[in-house]
Amino acid sequence: MSEEQEAAVLAIIDRQKRVLICKRADHLRSHPGEACLAGGKREEGDSSLVDTALREAHEEIGVDRDLITVQYDLEPLRSLAGMWVHAVVGTVADEPQLSINTDEVSKTEWIPLESFLKSDHHWNVLAGQYNVHGFDFPELRVFGLTANMCILIAIRELGMAPDFDMNPVLTTDVMQSLTPSEIIDRFYEYYYENVRPAKEGREAAKM
């Protein structure tokens, strides 16, 4: 996997177990107006993907990297553009003062992690073997890769299973007998066995 194919986003978690979600500026060419975690493509000067996430978060929303305590990162998920995206999870002692770069971000919202485990605002579309999860919150809509990352982070941070099916094999009935770490492991097993080859096959067919 080359560096040009990698990106990193920063999931900032506060003491109230909320995650900071950004809304991309409407004038951007890529995914305008969509919800995301602050982040972007790895650049040549970045020492690591953690460095990428912290740099991008500072550039986009002005958060001081010294206020972030990095806890862990998730295994990568692949974006529709073919980019492998790593979610770096960091905590803050207090809600940080933000300085939003309106060239990239139109607004930010703190969303409780628990909301990503509840069916109240949840919707799901099965695209082949891939579940596209989404959440229609009053503040904004979170879906796709960002939603998956938030679900996985919520499972790990809160030690709870979602009350909806994650994919065709991770149903609510199955998850009742699994630990949070087992749920996450099985999600990735299914993802790498089914979703990644399916996406690569569709891309190869276009060439």
C-alpha atoms as a PDB file:
ATOM      1  CA  MET A   1       0.000   0.000   0.000  1.00  0.00           C
ATOM      2  CA  SER A   2       1.678   3.233  -1.104  1.00  0.00           C
ATOM      3  CA  GLU A   3       1.483   6.479   0.827  1.00  0.00           C
ATOM      4  CA  GLU A   4      -0.352   8.073  -2.094  1.00  0.00           C
ATOM      5  CA  GLN A   5      -3.220   5.671  -1.446  1.00  0.00           C
ATOM      6  CA  GLU A   6      -3.562   6.485   2.242  1.00  0.00           C
ATOM      7  CA  ALA A   7      -5.453   9.093   4.220  1.00  0.00           C
ATOM      8  CA  ALA A   8      -6.153   9.642   7.899  1.00  0.00           C
ATOM      9  CA  VAL A   9      -8.994  11.246   9.827  1.00  0.00           C
ATOM     10  CA  LEU A  10      -9.129  12.307  13.462  1.00  0.00           C
ATOM     11  CA  ALA A  11     -12.034  11.236  15.651  1.00  0.00           C
ATOM     12  CA  ILE A  12     -11.947  13.629  18.607  1.00  0.00           C
ATOM     13  CA  ILE A  13     -13.761  12.249  21.676  1.00  0.00           C
ATOM     14  CA  ASP A  14     -14.598  14.437  24.659  1.00  0.00           C
ATOM     15  CA  ARG A  15     -15.328  13.512  28.281  1.00  0.00           C
ATOM     16  CA  GLN A  16     -19.023  13.173  27.513  1.00  0.00           C
ATOM     17  CA  LYS A  17     -18.238  10.510  24.908  1.00  0.00           C
ATOM     18  CA  ARG A  18     -19.170  12.735  21.999  1.00  0.00           C
ATOM     19  CA  VAL A  19     -17.381  12.745  18.669  1.00  0.00           C
ATOM     20  CA  LEU A  20     -16.677  15.890  16.660  1.00  0.00           C
ATOM     21  CA  ILE A  21     -18.222  15.690  13.184  1.00  0.00           C
ATOM     22  CA  CYS A  22     -17.474  18.209  10.438  1.00  0.00           C
ATOM     23  CA  LYS A  23     -19.607  19.207   7.485  1.00  0.00           C
ATOM     24  CA  ARG A  24     -17.597  19.744   4.320  1.00  0.00           C
ATOM     25  CA  ALA A  25     -17.957  23.083   2.572  1.00  0.00           C
ATOM     26  CA  ASP A  26     -20.586  23.136  -0.171  1.00  0.00           C
ATOM     27  CA  HIS A  27     -18.183  24.477  -2.802  1.00  0.00           C
ATOM     28  CA  LEU A  28     -15.700  21.597  -2.570  1.00  0.00           C
ATOM     29  CA  ARG A  29     -15.352  19.396  -5.651  1.00  0.00           C
ATOM     30  CA  SER A  30     -15.125  16.186  -3.618  1.00  0.00           C
ATOM     31  CA  HIS A  31     -18.092  15.214  -1.424  1.00  0.00           C
ATOM     32  CA  PRO A  32     -19.470  18.756  -1.001  1.00  0.00           C
ATOM     33  CA  GLY A  33     -21.689  19.299   2.023  1.00  0.00           C
ATOM     34  CA  GLU A  34     -21.135  15.806   3.405  1.00  0.00           C
ATOM     35  CA  ALA A  35     -20.400  14.933   7.021  1.00  0.00           C
ATOM     36  CA  CYS A  36     -16.907  13.709   7.805  1.00  0.00           C
ATOM     37  CA  LEU A  37     -14.192  13.454  10.402  1.00  0.00           C
ATOM     38  CA  ALA A  38     -11.457  16.048  10.026  1.00  0.00           C
ATOM     39  CA  GLY A  39      -8.640  14.629   7.943  1.00  0.00           C
ATOM     40  CA  GLY A  40      -7.169  14.134   4.528  1.00  0.00           C
ATOM     41  CA  LYS A  41      -4.528  12.560   2.331  1.00  0.00           C
ATOM     42  CA  ARG A  42      -1.115  11.681   3.684  1.00  0.00           C
ATOM     43  CA  GLU A  43       1.511  14.123   2.492  1.00  0.00           C
ATOM     44  CA  GLU A  44       5.220  13.607   1.924  1.00  0.00           C
ATOM     45  CA  GLY A  45       6.247  15.530   5.032  1.00  0.00           C
ATOM     46  CA  ASP A  46       3.994  13.548   7.398  1.00  0.00           C
ATOM     47  CA  SER A  47       5.978  11.295   9.707  1.00  0.00           C
ATOM     48  CA  SER A  48       3.048   8.922  10.194  1.00  0.00           C
ATOM     49  CA  LEU A  49      -0.685   8.601   9.614  1.00  0.00           C
ATOM     50  CA  VAL A  50      -1.228   9.936  13.137  1.00  0.00           C
ATOM     51  CA  ASP A  51       0.752  12.995  12.074  1.00  0.00           C
ATOM     52  CA  THR A  52      -1.476  13.270   8.988  1.00  0.00           C
ATOM     53  CA  ALA A  53      -4.651  13.212  11.086  1.00  0.00           C
ATOM     54  CA  LEU A  54      -3.369  15.791  13.570  1.00  0.00           C
ATOM     55  CA  ARG A  55      -2.050  18.097  10.828  1.00  0.00           C
ATOM     56  CA  GLU A  56      -5.264  17.952   8.829  1.00  0.00           C
ATOM     57  CA  ALA A  57      -7.412  18.555  11.903  1.00  0.00           C
ATOM     58  CA  HIS A  58      -5.364  21.632  12.736  1.00  0.00           C
ATOM     59  CA  GLU A  59      -5.638  22.924   9.160  1.00  0.00           C
ATOM     60  CA  GLU A  60      -9.385  22.290   8.872  1.00  0.00           C
ATOM     61  CA  ILE A  61     -10.770  23.159  12.303  1.00  0.00           C
ATOM     62  CA  GLY A  62      -7.819  24.776  14.098  1.00  0.00           C
ATOM     63  CA  VAL A  63      -7.568  22.242  16.907  1.00  0.00           C
ATOM     64  CA  ASP A  64      -4.214  22.338  18.684  1.00  0.00           C
ATOM     65  CA  ARG A  65      -2.517  18.948  18.379  1.00  0.00           C
ATOM     66  CA  ASP A  66      -1.084  19.370  21.890  1.00  0.00           C
ATOM     67  CA  LEU A  67      -4.637  19.137  23.264  1.00  0.00           C
ATOM     68  CA  ILE A  68      -5.216  15.733  21.660  1.00  0.00           C
ATOM     69  CA  THR A  69      -4.237  12.523  23.429  1.00  0.00           C
ATOM     70  CA  VAL A  70      -4.051   9.852  20.740  1.00  0.00           C
ATOM     71  CA  GLN A  71      -5.507   6.568  22.012  1.00  0.00           C
ATOM     72  CA  TYR A  72      -5.549   4.162  19.059  1.00  0.00           C
ATOM     73  CA  ASP A  73      -6.365   3.884  15.380  1.00  0.00           C
ATOM     74  CA  LEU A  74      -8.761   1.656  13.494  1.00  0.00           C
ATOM     75  CA  GLU A  75      -7.912  -0.676  10.656  1.00  0.00           C
ATOM     76  CA  PRO A  76      -8.419   1.208   7.387  1.00  0.00           C
ATOM     77  CA  LEU A  77     -11.575   1.319   5.319  1.00  0.00           C
ATOM     78  CA  ARG A  78     -11.591   2.020   1.614  1.00  0.00           C
ATOM     79  CA  SER A  79     -13.311   5.106   0.242  1.00  0.00           C
ATOM     80  CA  LEU A  80     -15.279   5.144  -3.006  1.00  0.00           C
ATOM     81  CA  ALA A  81     -12.296   6.896  -4.586  1.00  0.00           C
ATOM     82  CA  GLY A  82     -10.053   3.942  -3.704  1.00  0.00           C
ATOM     83  CA  MET A  83      -8.265   5.654  -0.813  1.00  0.00           C
ATOM     84  CA  TRP A  84      -7.445   3.638   2.293  1.00  0.00           C
ATOM     85  CA  VAL A  85      -8.611   5.778   5.205  1.00  0.00           C
ATOM     86  CA  HIS A  86      -7.338   5.283   8.756  1.00  0.00           C
ATOM     87  CA  ALA A  87      -9.333   6.648  11.695  1.00  0.00           C
ATOM     88  CA  VAL A  88      -7.124   7.943  14.505  1.00  0.00           C
ATOM     89  CA  VAL A  89      -8.992   8.248  17.799  1.00  0.00           C
ATOM     90  CA  GLY A  90      -7.934  10.964  20.216  1.00  0.00           C
ATOM     91  CA  THR A  91      -9.427  12.322  23.414  1.00  0.00           C
ATOM     92  CA  VAL A  92      -9.589  15.828  24.850  1.00  0.00           C
ATOM     93  CA  ALA A  93      -9.858  16.813  28.506  1.00  0.00           C
ATOM     94  CA  ASP A  94     -12.015  19.820  27.691  1.00  0.00           C
ATOM     95  CA  GLU A  95     -13.923  20.896  24.599  1.00  0.00           C
ATOM     96  CA  PRO A  96     -11.257  22.582  22.454  1.00  0.00           C
ATOM     97  CA  GLN A  97     -11.547  26.048  20.990  1.00  0.00           C
ATOM     98  CA  LEU A  98     -11.987  25.642  17.245  1.00  0.00           C
ATOM     99  CA  SER A  99     -11.061  27.924  14.373  1.00  0.00           C
ATOM    100  CA  ILE A 100     -12.902  26.594  11.347  1.00  0.00           C
ATOM    101  CA  ASN A 101     -11.310  26.942   7.928  1.00  0.00           C
ATOM    102  CA  THR A 102     -14.420  27.814   5.900  1.00  0.00           C
ATOM    103  CA  ASP A 103     -12.604  26.945   2.691  1.00  0.00           C
ATOM    104  CA  GLU A 104     -12.931  23.307   3.756  1.00  0.00           C
ATOM    105  CA  VAL A 105     -15.502  23.053   6.562  1.00  0.00           C
ATOM    106  CA  SER A 106     -18.873  24.784   6.878  1.00  0.00           C
ATOM    107  CA  LYS A 107     -19.651  23.740  10.462  1.00  0.00           C
ATOM    108  CA  THR A 108     -18.943  21.224  13.232  1.00  0.00           C
ATOM    109  CA  GLU A 109     -21.211  19.301  15.588  1.00  0.00           C
ATOM    110  CA  TRP A 110     -20.583  17.203  18.687  1.00  0.00           C
ATOM    111  CA  ILE A 111     -22.603  13.988  18.343  1.00  0.00           C
ATOM    112  CA  PRO A 112     -22.977  11.483  21.231  1.00  0.00           C
ATOM    113  CA  LEU A 113     -21.274   8.204  20.344  1.00  0.00           C
ATOM    114  CA  GLU A 114     -24.257   6.306  21.684  1.00  0.00           C
ATOM    115  CA  SER A 115     -26.340   7.774  18.866  1.00  0.00           C
ATOM    116  CA  PHE A 116     -24.315   5.661  16.429  1.00  0.00           C
ATOM    117  CA  LEU A 117     -25.514   2.476  18.122  1.00  0.00           C
ATOM    118  CA  LYS A 118     -29.214   3.308  18.150  1.00  0.00           C
ATOM    119  CA  SER A 119     -31.758   2.710  15.407  1.00  0.00           C
ATOM    120  CA  ASP A 120     -33.610   5.976  16.171  1.00  0.00           C
ATOM    121  CA  HIS A 121     -31.915   7.934  13.379  1.00  0.00           C
ATOM    122  CA  HIS A 122     -30.363   4.976  11.574  1.00  0.00           C
ATOM    123  CA  TRP A 123     -30.971   3.819   8.027  1.00  0.00           C
ATOM    124  CA  ASN A 124     -29.275   1.160   5.969  1.00  0.00           C
ATOM    125  CA  VAL A 125     -29.026   0.291   2.286  1.00  0.00           C
ATOM    126  CA  LEU A 126     -27.649  -3.068   1.164  1.00  0.00           C
ATOM    127  CA  ALA A 127     -25.499  -2.527  -1.931  1.00  0.00           C
ATOM    128  CA  GLY A 128     -24.453  -6.002  -3.012  1.00  0.00           C
ATOM    129  CA  GLN A 129     -22.681  -7.421   0.041  1.00  0.00           C
ATOM    130  CA  TYR A 130     -21.972  -3.990   1.474  1.00  0.00           C
ATOM    131  CA  ASN A 131     -24.159  -2.283   4.059  1.00  0.00           C
ATOM    132  CA  VAL A 132     -24.267   1.482   3.628  1.00  0.00           C
ATOM    133  CA  HIS A 133     -25.144   2.828   7.063  1.00  0.00           C
ATOM    134  CA  GLY A 134     -26.493   6.301   7.611  1.00  0.00           C
ATOM    135  CA  PHE A 135     -27.849   8.488  10.397  1.00  0.00           C
ATOM    136  CA  ASP A 136     -30.181  11.425   9.879  1.00  0.00           C
ATOM    137  CA  PHE A 137     -29.569  13.625  12.897  1.00  0.00           C
ATOM    138  CA  PRO A 138     -31.248  17.025  13.290  1.00  0.00           C
ATOM    139  CA  GLU A 139     -27.829  18.640  12.875  1.00  0.00           C
ATOM    140  CA  LEU A 140     -26.625  16.723   9.818  1.00  0.00           C
ATOM    141  CA  ARG A 141     -26.622  13.415   7.937  1.00  0.00           C
ATOM    142  CA  VAL A 142     -23.717  11.037   8.577  1.00  0.00           C
ATOM    143  CA  PHE A 143     -23.374   8.090   6.226  1.00  0.00           C
ATOM    144  CA  GLY A 144     -21.021   5.731   4.421  1.00  0.00           C
ATOM    145  CA  LEU A 145     -17.407   5.419   5.514  1.00  0.00           C
ATOM    146  CA  THR A 146     -17.750   8.065   8.255  1.00  0.00           C
ATOM    147  CA  ALA A 147     -20.785   6.309   9.705  1.00  0.00           C
ATOM    148  CA  ASN A 148     -18.974   2.965   9.750  1.00  0.00           C
ATOM    149  CA  MET A 149     -16.028   4.494  11.568  1.00  0.00           C
ATOM    150  CA  CYS A 150     -18.283   6.129  14.150  1.00  0.00           C
ATOM    151  CA  ILE A 151     -20.142   2.853  14.731  1.00  0.00           C
ATOM    152  CA  LEU A 152     -16.882   0.957  15.298  1.00  0.00           C
ATOM    153  CA  ILE A 153     -15.517   3.648  17.608  1.00  0.00           C
ATOM    154  CA  ALA A 154     -18.773   3.706  19.592  1.00  0.00           C
ATOM    155  CA  ILE A 155     -18.684  -0.068  20.020  1.00  0.00           C
ATOM    156  CA  ARG A 156     -15.140   0.102  21.383  1.00  0.00           C
ATOM    157  CA  GLU A 157     -15.570   3.223  23.534  1.00  0.00           C
ATOM    158  CA  LEU A 158     -18.923   2.288  25.056  1.00  0.00           C
ATOM    159  CA  GLY A 159     -18.588  -1.502  25.122  1.00  0.00           C
ATOM    160  CA  MET A 160     -21.993  -1.886  23.493  1.00  0.00           C
ATOM    161  CA  ALA A 161     -23.374  -3.520  20.372  1.00  0.00           C
ATOM    162  CA  PRO A 162     -25.578  -1.598  17.941  1.00  0.00           C
ATOM    163  CA  ASP A 163     -29.287  -2.371  17.988  1.00  0.00           C
ATOM    164  CA  PHE A 164     -29.287  -2.853  14.198  1.00  0.00           C
ATOM    165  CA  ASP A 165     -27.605  -5.344  11.864  1.00  0.00           C
ATOM    166  CA  MET A 166     -24.086  -4.314  10.820  1.00  0.00           C
ATOM    167  CA  ASN A 167     -23.893  -6.597   7.782  1.00  0.00           C
ATOM    168  CA  PRO A 168     -25.492  -9.847   6.571  1.00  0.00           C
ATOM    169  CA  VAL A 169     -23.518 -11.960   9.056  1.00  0.00           C
ATOM    170  CA  LEU A 170     -23.339  -9.516  11.992  1.00  0.00           C
ATOM    171  CA  THR A 171     -27.008  -9.429  12.883  1.00  0.00           C
ATOM    172  CA  THR A 172     -28.381  -8.247  16.217  1.00  0.00           C
ATOM    173  CA  ASP A 173     -29.001 -11.873  17.231  1.00  0.00           C
ATOM    174  CA  VAL A 174     -25.413 -12.868  16.477  1.00  0.00           C
ATOM    175  CA  MET A 175     -23.943  -9.829  18.216  1.00  0.00           C
ATOM    176  CA  GLN A 176     -25.761 -10.669  21.450  1.00  0.00           C
ATOM    177  CA  SER A 177     -23.304 -13.523  22.029  1.00  0.00           C
ATOM    178  CA  LEU A 178     -20.171 -11.547  21.072  1.00  0.00           C
ATOM    179  CA  THR A 179     -17.945  -9.189  22.998  1.00  0.00           C
ATOM    180  CA  PRO A 180     -17.370  -5.682  21.582  1.00  0.00           C
ATOM    181  CA  SER A 181     -13.878  -6.653  20.387  1.00  0.00           C
ATOM    182  CA  GLU A 182     -15.268  -9.763  18.689  1.00  0.00           C
ATOM    183  CA  ILE A 183     -17.895  -7.662  16.911  1.00  0.00           C
ATOM    184  CA  ILE A 184     -15.205  -5.337  15.582  1.00  0.00           C
ATOM    185  CA  ASP A 185     -12.979  -8.245  14.534  1.00  0.00           C
ATOM    186  CA  ARG A 186     -15.828  -9.938  12.671  1.00  0.00           C
ATOM    187  CA  PHE A 187     -16.783  -6.697  10.982  1.00  0.00           C
ATOM    188  CA  TYR A 188     -13.305  -6.409   9.519  1.00  0.00           C
ATOM    189  CA  GLU A 189     -13.178 -10.104   8.597  1.00  0.00           C
ATOM    190  CA  TYR A 190     -16.346  -9.710   6.566  1.00  0.00           C
ATOM    191  CA  TYR A 191     -15.207  -6.388   5.148  1.00  0.00           C
ATOM    192  CA  TYR A 192     -11.859  -7.627   3.864  1.00  0.00           C
ATOM    193  CA  GLU A 193     -13.252 -10.929   2.604  1.00  0.00           C
ATOM    194  CA  ASN A 194     -16.267  -9.511   0.803  1.00  0.00           C
ATOM    195  CA  VAL A 195     -16.307  -5.760   0.391  1.00  0.00           C
ATOM    196  CA  ARG A 196     -12.719  -5.079  -0.673  1.00  0.00           C
ATOM    197  CA  PRO A 197     -12.608  -7.760  -3.422  1.00  0.00           C
ATOM    198  CA  ALA A 198     -16.006  -6.619  -4.686  1.00  0.00           C
ATOM    199  CA  LYS A 199     -14.818  -3.022  -4.986  1.00  0.00           C
ATOM    200  CA  GLU A 200     -11.548  -4.041  -6.610  1.00  0.00           C
ATOM    201  CA  GLY A 201     -13.433  -6.201  -9.084  1.00  0.00           C
ATOM    202  CA  ARG A 202     -15.712  -3.320 -10.070  1.00  0.00           C
ATOM    203  CA  GLU A 203     -12.689  -1.057 -10.530  1.00  0.00           C
ATOM    204  CA  ALA A 204     -10.857  -3.643 -12.677  1.00  0.00           C
ATOM    205  CA  ALA A 205     -13.915  -4.044 -14.872  1.00  0.00           C
ATOM    206  CA  LYS A 206     -13.846  -0.306 -15.678  1.00  0.00           C
ATOM    207  CA  MET A 207     -10.226  -0.408 -16.878  1.00  0.00           C
END
